Amino acid sequence: MYIANINRFLKDIKSEISADFIYSNNKRVIITTDKVAFTSDMNIMEKYIKELNNVNLSNIMSPKLL
């Protein structure tokens, strides 16, 4: 469900990437994509994560590439 929603947001901004996999634990969320994400793509994913009701906003760090 989360991947489908992220991909819908990315499609809305006409992004060429799509999310493939999400891993989360109590310290981080890792989202893998099929191509290298641009800053705008990462901002869309961050915005979606922040809108989830069960996420503590004070613990969200800025997105970054590995």
C-alpha atoms as a PDB file:
ATOM      1  CA  MET A   1       0.000   0.000   0.000  1.00  0.00           C
ATOM      2  CA  TYR A   2       2.804   2.456   0.903  1.00  0.00           C
ATOM      3  CA  ILE A   3       4.735   1.730  -2.288  1.00  0.00           C
ATOM      4  CA  ALA A   4       1.603   2.177  -4.389  1.00  0.00           C
ATOM      5  CA  ASN A   5       0.885   5.541  -2.752  1.00  0.00           C
ATOM      6  CA  ILE A   6       4.463   6.768  -3.160  1.00  0.00           C
ATOM      7  CA  ASN A   7       4.420   5.710  -6.821  1.00  0.00           C
ATOM      8  CA  ARG A   8       1.124   7.533  -7.331  1.00  0.00           C
ATOM      9  CA  PHE A   9       2.647  10.740  -5.915  1.00  0.00           C
ATOM     10  CA  LEU A  10       5.722  10.308  -8.128  1.00  0.00           C
ATOM     11  CA  LYS A  11       3.536   9.731 -11.182  1.00  0.00           C
ATOM     12  CA  ASP A  12       1.570  12.907 -10.359  1.00  0.00           C
ATOM     13  CA  ILE A  13       4.761  14.969 -10.702  1.00  0.00           C
ATOM     14  CA  LYS A  14       5.663  13.077 -13.894  1.00  0.00           C
ATOM     15  CA  SER A  15       8.704  11.446 -12.301  1.00  0.00           C
ATOM     16  CA  GLU A  16      10.401   8.638 -14.200  1.00  0.00           C
ATOM     17  CA  ILE A  17      11.286   6.649 -11.083  1.00  0.00           C
ATOM     18  CA  SER A  18       9.216   4.267  -9.019  1.00  0.00           C
ATOM     19  CA  ALA A  19       9.635   2.859  -5.542  1.00  0.00           C
ATOM     20  CA  ASP A  20      10.385  -0.852  -5.376  1.00  0.00           C
ATOM     21  CA  PHE A  21      10.899  -1.662  -1.707  1.00  0.00           C
ATOM     22  CA  ILE A  22      10.461  -0.096   1.729  1.00  0.00           C
ATOM     23  CA  TYR A  23      12.300  -1.111   4.890  1.00  0.00           C
ATOM     24  CA  SER A  24      11.722   0.562   8.223  1.00  0.00           C
ATOM     25  CA  ASN A  25      12.779   0.150  11.811  1.00  0.00           C
ATOM     26  CA  ASN A  26      12.650   2.463  14.810  1.00  0.00           C
ATOM     27  CA  LYS A  27      15.476   4.659  13.456  1.00  0.00           C
ATOM     28  CA  ARG A  28      15.039   4.920   9.698  1.00  0.00           C
ATOM     29  CA  VAL A  29      13.004   4.304   6.598  1.00  0.00           C
ATOM     30  CA  ILE A  30      14.791   3.054   3.507  1.00  0.00           C
ATOM     31  CA  ILE A  31      13.039   3.311   0.159  1.00  0.00           C
ATOM     32  CA  THR A  32      14.678   1.747  -2.885  1.00  0.00           C
ATOM     33  CA  THR A  33      13.836   2.976  -6.366  1.00  0.00           C
ATOM     34  CA  ASP A  34      14.408   1.633  -9.853  1.00  0.00           C
ATOM     35  CA  LYS A  35      16.544   4.662 -10.843  1.00  0.00           C
ATOM     36  CA  VAL A  36      18.566   7.315  -9.040  1.00  0.00           C
ATOM     37  CA  ALA A  37      16.158   9.733  -7.387  1.00  0.00           C
ATOM     38  CA  PHE A  38      16.368  13.478  -7.849  1.00  0.00           C
ATOM     39  CA  THR A  39      15.916  15.838  -4.919  1.00  0.00           C
ATOM     40  CA  SER A  40      12.353  16.562  -6.015  1.00  0.00           C
ATOM     41  CA  ASP A  41      11.572  12.825  -5.987  1.00  0.00           C
ATOM     42  CA  MET A  42      13.004  12.425  -2.501  1.00  0.00           C
ATOM     43  CA  ASN A  43      11.010  15.438  -1.302  1.00  0.00           C
ATOM     44  CA  ILE A  44       7.791  13.809  -2.545  1.00  0.00           C
ATOM     45  CA  MET A  45       8.623  10.616  -0.653  1.00  0.00           C
ATOM     46  CA  GLU A  46       9.471  12.596   2.490  1.00  0.00           C
ATOM     47  CA  LYS A  47       6.200  14.515   2.249  1.00  0.00           C
ATOM     48  CA  TYR A  48       4.239  11.261   1.995  1.00  0.00           C
ATOM     49  CA  ILE A  49       6.009   9.731   5.013  1.00  0.00           C
ATOM     50  CA  LYS A  50       5.349  12.868   7.073  1.00  0.00           C
ATOM     51  CA  GLU A  51       1.627  12.708   6.234  1.00  0.00           C
ATOM     52  CA  LEU A  52       1.245   9.227   7.722  1.00  0.00           C
ATOM     53  CA  ASN A  53      -0.595   9.285  11.051  1.00  0.00           C
ATOM     54  CA  ASN A  54       1.655   6.816  12.843  1.00  0.00           C
ATOM     55  CA  VAL A  55       4.957   8.650  12.234  1.00  0.00           C
ATOM     56  CA  ASN A  56       6.681  10.750  14.887  1.00  0.00           C
ATOM     57  CA  LEU A  57       7.558  13.915  12.931  1.00  0.00           C
ATOM     58  CA  SER A  58      10.266  14.987  15.347  1.00  0.00           C
ATOM     59  CA  ASN A  59      12.363  11.964  14.372  1.00  0.00           C
ATOM     60  CA  ILE A  60      12.291  12.454  10.589  1.00  0.00           C
ATOM     61  CA  MET A  61      15.639  13.362   9.054  1.00  0.00           C
ATOM     62  CA  SER A  62      16.129  14.808   5.593  1.00  0.00           C
ATOM     63  CA  PRO A  63      16.258  12.309   2.740  1.00  0.00           C
ATOM     64  CA  LYS A  64      19.675  11.462   1.327  1.00  0.00           C
ATOM     65  CA  LEU A  65      21.284   9.223  -1.224  1.00  0.00           C
ATOM     66  CA  LEU A  66      23.434   6.353  -0.069  1.00  0.00           C
END
